[in-house]
Amino acid sequence: MTPAIKHAEREEIEFKIHQYDHDPAVQAYGEEAAEAMGTDASRVFKTLVIALNGESKNLAVAVVPVSGQLNLKAAASTLGAKKTAMADTRIAQNTTGYILGGISPLGQKKRLPTIIDESAFEFDSIFVSAGKRGLEIELSAGDLQRLCQAKKSACSG
């Protein structure tokens, strides 16, 4: 049981867990998840840790579809920053408590400001990492937004 699943259970939201065999040779974690679950990649969202204003310890999270890319300028605007960049992998892992490819927006060691791409709200449910490679949690975007105290953003392109 991961901290992400415990967080969802504690908040008593409706969710489903999906598990699949992760291939260690695959580094396109989101695409692998979509394919393994037989789900459209636009419903599977990746959790990206970003650094604000060039400060490696000033971090935030962007939840974007695996079928798209993060628009760093849009993310910065939503988060009230001048600029954003991808966070150092080691710092992202240490701050969230999860490994790359398994970073969940839920149950992080340190709650980070979070934005969710507005496309997530077009679906009844979406998939995000449940805290380890090969494990996804399916929930509504509204529940994810509430649990993460996230802002909606047009942050995917």
C-alpha atoms as a PDB file:
ATOM      1  CA  MET A   1       0.000   0.000   0.000  1.00  0.00           C
ATOM      2  CA  THR A   2       1.513   3.305  -1.103  1.00  0.00           C
ATOM      3  CA  PRO A   3       1.102   6.734   0.540  1.00  0.00           C
ATOM      4  CA  ALA A   4      -0.982   7.765  -2.511  1.00  0.00           C
ATOM      5  CA  ILE A   5      -3.489   4.953  -1.949  1.00  0.00           C
ATOM      6  CA  LYS A   6      -3.579   5.632   1.791  1.00  0.00           C
ATOM      7  CA  HIS A   7      -4.304   9.307   1.052  1.00  0.00           C
ATOM      8  CA  ALA A   8      -7.235   8.378  -1.214  1.00  0.00           C
ATOM      9  CA  GLU A   9      -8.600   5.894   1.336  1.00  0.00           C
ATOM     10  CA  ARG A  10      -8.291   8.389   4.192  1.00  0.00           C
ATOM     11  CA  GLU A  11     -10.295  10.951   2.202  1.00  0.00           C
ATOM     12  CA  GLU A  12     -12.925   8.301   1.362  1.00  0.00           C
ATOM     13  CA  ILE A  13     -13.090   9.090  -2.338  1.00  0.00           C
ATOM     14  CA  GLU A  14     -14.139   6.671  -5.039  1.00  0.00           C
ATOM     15  CA  PHE A  15     -11.123   5.178  -6.832  1.00  0.00           C
ATOM     16  CA  LYS A  16      -9.820   2.031  -8.492  1.00  0.00           C
ATOM     17  CA  ILE A  17      -6.307   0.620  -8.524  1.00  0.00           C
ATOM     18  CA  HIS A  18      -4.817  -0.798 -11.724  1.00  0.00           C
ATOM     19  CA  GLN A  19      -1.649  -2.855 -11.639  1.00  0.00           C
ATOM     20  CA  TYR A  20       0.471  -4.025 -14.554  1.00  0.00           C
ATOM     21  CA  ASP A  21       3.914  -5.532 -15.040  1.00  0.00           C
ATOM     22  CA  HIS A  22       6.371  -2.693 -15.583  1.00  0.00           C
ATOM     23  CA  ASP A  23       9.161  -3.442 -18.022  1.00  0.00           C
ATOM     24  CA  PRO A  24      12.399  -2.028 -16.503  1.00  0.00           C
ATOM     25  CA  ALA A  25      13.724  -1.325 -20.023  1.00  0.00           C
ATOM     26  CA  VAL A  26      10.848   1.106 -20.699  1.00  0.00           C
ATOM     27  CA  GLN A  27      11.364   4.730 -19.725  1.00  0.00           C
ATOM     28  CA  ALA A  28       8.168   6.124 -21.296  1.00  0.00           C
ATOM     29  CA  TYR A  29       6.259   5.270 -18.119  1.00  0.00           C
ATOM     30  CA  GLY A  30       2.960   6.958 -18.997  1.00  0.00           C
ATOM     31  CA  GLU A  31       2.746   5.478 -22.479  1.00  0.00           C
ATOM     32  CA  GLU A  32       3.542   2.068 -21.013  1.00  0.00           C
ATOM     33  CA  ALA A  33       0.723   2.474 -18.482  1.00  0.00           C
ATOM     34  CA  ALA A  34      -1.808   3.477 -21.145  1.00  0.00           C
ATOM     35  CA  GLU A  35      -0.861   0.561 -23.357  1.00  0.00           C
ATOM     36  CA  ALA A  36      -0.807  -1.974 -20.513  1.00  0.00           C
ATOM     37  CA  MET A  37      -4.262  -0.877 -19.326  1.00  0.00           C
ATOM     38  CA  GLY A  38      -5.702  -0.605 -22.842  1.00  0.00           C
ATOM     39  CA  THR A  39      -6.634   3.020 -22.159  1.00  0.00           C
ATOM     40  CA  ASP A  40      -6.430   6.096 -24.362  1.00  0.00           C
ATOM     41  CA  ALA A  41      -3.230   7.995 -23.488  1.00  0.00           C
ATOM     42  CA  SER A  42      -5.230  11.229 -23.161  1.00  0.00           C
ATOM     43  CA  ARG A  43      -6.803   9.789 -19.952  1.00  0.00           C
ATOM     44  CA  VAL A  44      -3.463   8.813 -18.405  1.00  0.00           C
ATOM     45  CA  PHE A  45      -1.669  11.695 -16.695  1.00  0.00           C
ATOM     46  CA  LYS A  46       1.974  12.069 -15.754  1.00  0.00           C
ATOM     47  CA  THR A  47       3.139  13.851 -12.628  1.00  0.00           C
ATOM     48  CA  LEU A  48       5.963  16.266 -13.395  1.00  0.00           C
ATOM     49  CA  VAL A  49       7.936  18.081 -10.717  1.00  0.00           C
ATOM     50  CA  ILE A  50       9.038  21.541 -11.778  1.00  0.00           C
ATOM     51  CA  ALA A  51      11.309  24.180 -10.267  1.00  0.00           C
ATOM     52  CA  LEU A  52       9.977  27.732 -10.022  1.00  0.00           C
ATOM     53  CA  ASN A  53      12.030  30.819 -10.870  1.00  0.00           C
ATOM     54  CA  GLY A  54      15.268  28.860 -11.221  1.00  0.00           C
ATOM     55  CA  GLU A  55      15.235  27.791  -7.578  1.00  0.00           C
ATOM     56  CA  SER A  56      15.929  24.073  -7.267  1.00  0.00           C
ATOM     57  CA  LYS A  57      14.160  23.812  -3.896  1.00  0.00           C
ATOM     58  CA  ASN A  58      11.103  25.899  -4.892  1.00  0.00           C
ATOM     59  CA  LEU A  59       9.066  23.104  -6.456  1.00  0.00           C
ATOM     60  CA  ALA A  60       5.584  22.498  -7.803  1.00  0.00           C
ATOM     61  CA  VAL A  61       3.758  19.647  -9.540  1.00  0.00           C
ATOM     62  CA  ALA A  62       2.117  19.644 -12.966  1.00  0.00           C
ATOM     63  CA  VAL A  63      -0.299  16.847 -13.856  1.00  0.00           C
ATOM     64  CA  VAL A  64      -0.512  16.600 -17.651  1.00  0.00           C
ATOM     65  CA  PRO A  65      -1.681  13.958 -20.139  1.00  0.00           C
ATOM     66  CA  VAL A  66       0.992  11.544 -21.294  1.00  0.00           C
ATOM     67  CA  SER A  67      -0.187  12.286 -24.833  1.00  0.00           C
ATOM     68  CA  GLY A  68       0.902  15.929 -24.445  1.00  0.00           C
ATOM     69  CA  GLN A  69       3.794  17.999 -23.196  1.00  0.00           C
ATOM     70  CA  LEU A  70       4.024  20.476 -20.372  1.00  0.00           C
ATOM     71  CA  ASN A  71       3.893  24.109 -21.466  1.00  0.00           C
ATOM     72  CA  LEU A  72       6.385  25.631 -19.028  1.00  0.00           C
ATOM     73  CA  LYS A  73       5.232  29.212 -19.678  1.00  0.00           C
ATOM     74  CA  ALA A  74       1.587  28.346 -18.987  1.00  0.00           C
ATOM     75  CA  ALA A  75       2.592  26.459 -15.837  1.00  0.00           C
ATOM     76  CA  ALA A  76       4.608  29.446 -14.631  1.00  0.00           C
ATOM     77  CA  SER A  77       1.672  31.770 -15.255  1.00  0.00           C
ATOM     78  CA  THR A  78      -0.772  29.573 -13.328  1.00  0.00           C
ATOM     79  CA  LEU A  79       1.672  29.208 -10.434  1.00  0.00           C
ATOM     80  CA  GLY A  80       2.497  32.919 -10.304  1.00  0.00           C
ATOM     81  CA  ALA A  81       6.141  32.364 -11.248  1.00  0.00           C
ATOM     82  CA  LYS A  82       8.258  34.179 -13.811  1.00  0.00           C
ATOM     83  CA  LYS A  83       9.585  30.911 -15.216  1.00  0.00           C
ATOM     84  CA  THR A  84       9.641  27.183 -14.613  1.00  0.00           C
ATOM     85  CA  ALA A  85      11.957  24.326 -15.559  1.00  0.00           C
ATOM     86  CA  MET A  86      11.954  20.614 -14.953  1.00  0.00           C
ATOM     87  CA  ALA A  87      13.255  19.840 -11.468  1.00  0.00           C
ATOM     88  CA  ASP A  88      16.387  17.814 -10.892  1.00  0.00           C
ATOM     89  CA  THR A  89      15.378  14.144 -10.740  1.00  0.00           C
ATOM     90  CA  ARG A  90      17.155  13.500  -7.453  1.00  0.00           C
ATOM     91  CA  ILE A  91      15.547  16.509  -5.780  1.00  0.00           C
ATOM     92  CA  ALA A  92      12.111  15.562  -7.148  1.00  0.00           C
ATOM     93  CA  GLN A  93      12.450  12.032  -5.780  1.00  0.00           C
ATOM     94  CA  ASN A  94      13.699  13.178  -2.364  1.00  0.00           C
ATOM     95  CA  THR A  95      10.989  15.821  -2.013  1.00  0.00           C
ATOM     96  CA  THR A  96       8.060  13.625  -3.064  1.00  0.00           C
ATOM     97  CA  GLY A  97       9.245  10.338  -1.587  1.00  0.00           C
ATOM     98  CA  TYR A  98       8.618   8.549  -4.888  1.00  0.00           C
ATOM     99  CA  ILE A  99      10.917   7.310  -7.653  1.00  0.00           C
ATOM    100  CA  LEU A 100      10.868   8.620 -11.214  1.00  0.00           C
ATOM    101  CA  GLY A 101       8.093   6.902 -13.146  1.00  0.00           C
ATOM    102  CA  GLY A 102       6.162   6.382  -9.922  1.00  0.00           C
ATOM    103  CA  ILE A 103       5.745   9.952  -8.683  1.00  0.00           C
ATOM    104  CA  SER A 104       2.138  10.445  -7.651  1.00  0.00           C
ATOM    105  CA  PRO A 105       0.435  13.779  -7.054  1.00  0.00           C
ATOM    106  CA  LEU A 106      -1.073  12.144  -3.939  1.00  0.00           C
ATOM    107  CA  GLY A 107       0.614  11.292  -0.654  1.00  0.00           C
ATOM    108  CA  GLN A 108       3.875  13.105  -1.255  1.00  0.00           C
ATOM    109  CA  LYS A 109       6.323  13.579   1.638  1.00  0.00           C
ATOM    110  CA  LYS A 110       6.013  17.325   1.173  1.00  0.00           C
ATOM    111  CA  ARG A 111       2.823  18.700  -0.351  1.00  0.00           C
ATOM    112  CA  LEU A 112       3.761  20.839  -3.319  1.00  0.00           C
ATOM    113  CA  PRO A 113       1.653  23.434  -5.136  1.00  0.00           C
ATOM    114  CA  THR A 114      -0.109  21.483  -7.879  1.00  0.00           C
ATOM    115  CA  ILE A 115      -1.705  22.278 -11.219  1.00  0.00           C
ATOM    116  CA  ILE A 116      -3.831  19.912 -13.295  1.00  0.00           C
ATOM    117  CA  ASP A 117      -4.246  20.327 -17.018  1.00  0.00           C
ATOM    118  CA  GLU A 118      -7.805  21.341 -17.820  1.00  0.00           C
ATOM    119  CA  SER A 119      -8.179  18.411 -20.241  1.00  0.00           C
ATOM    120  CA  ALA A 120      -8.439  16.090 -17.213  1.00  0.00           C
ATOM    121  CA  PHE A 121     -11.858  17.501 -16.427  1.00  0.00           C
ATOM    122  CA  GLU A 122     -13.278  16.300 -19.769  1.00  0.00           C
ATOM    123  CA  PHE A 123     -13.307  12.696 -18.495  1.00  0.00           C
ATOM    124  CA  ASP A 124     -15.384  10.912 -15.851  1.00  0.00           C
ATOM    125  CA  SER A 125     -12.118   9.496 -14.520  1.00  0.00           C
ATOM    126  CA  ILE A 126      -8.400   9.754 -15.174  1.00  0.00           C
ATOM    127  CA  PHE A 127      -5.347   7.695 -14.265  1.00  0.00           C
ATOM    128  CA  VAL A 128      -2.311   8.941 -12.334  1.00  0.00           C
ATOM    129  CA  SER A 129       0.530   7.081 -10.709  1.00  0.00           C
ATOM    130  CA  ALA A 130      -0.406   5.420  -7.438  1.00  0.00           C
ATOM    131  CA  GLY A 131       3.139   5.756  -6.152  1.00  0.00           C
ATOM    132  CA  LYS A 132       5.208   3.129  -7.930  1.00  0.00           C
ATOM    133  CA  ARG A 133       5.944   1.966 -11.427  1.00  0.00           C
ATOM    134  CA  GLY A 134       3.262  -0.422 -12.651  1.00  0.00           C
ATOM    135  CA  LEU A 135       0.569   0.936 -10.329  1.00  0.00           C
ATOM    136  CA  GLU A 136      -2.066   3.487 -11.358  1.00  0.00           C
ATOM    137  CA  ILE A 137      -4.975   5.012  -9.467  1.00  0.00           C
ATOM    138  CA  GLU A 138      -8.159   5.887 -11.361  1.00  0.00           C
ATOM    139  CA  LEU A 139     -10.216   8.728  -9.905  1.00  0.00           C
ATOM    140  CA  SER A 140     -12.151  11.801 -10.958  1.00  0.00           C
ATOM    141  CA  ALA A 141     -10.184  14.932 -11.815  1.00  0.00           C
ATOM    142  CA  GLY A 142     -12.369  16.834  -9.354  1.00  0.00           C
ATOM    143  CA  ASP A 143     -11.384  14.516  -6.497  1.00  0.00           C
ATOM    144  CA  LEU A 144      -7.723  14.781  -7.484  1.00  0.00           C
ATOM    145  CA  GLN A 145      -8.010  18.563  -7.553  1.00  0.00           C
ATOM    146  CA  ARG A 146      -9.579  18.615  -4.099  1.00  0.00           C
ATOM    147  CA  LEU A 147      -7.081  16.184  -2.559  1.00  0.00           C
ATOM    148  CA  CYS A 148      -4.096  18.110  -3.950  1.00  0.00           C
ATOM    149  CA  GLN A 149      -5.665  21.546  -3.482  1.00  0.00           C
ATOM    150  CA  ALA A 150      -4.707  22.005  -7.132  1.00  0.00           C
ATOM    151  CA  LYS A 151      -5.444  24.710  -9.651  1.00  0.00           C
ATOM    152  CA  LYS A 152      -6.749  24.037 -13.159  1.00  0.00           C
ATOM    153  CA  SER A 153      -4.398  25.114 -15.919  1.00  0.00           C
ATOM    154  CA  ALA A 154      -4.100  25.085 -19.684  1.00  0.00           C
ATOM    155  CA  CYS A 155      -0.574  23.756 -19.170  1.00  0.00           C
ATOM    156  CA  SER A 156      -0.385  21.035 -21.816  1.00  0.00           C
ATOM    157  CA  GLY A 157       0.395  21.420 -25.448  1.00  0.00           C
END
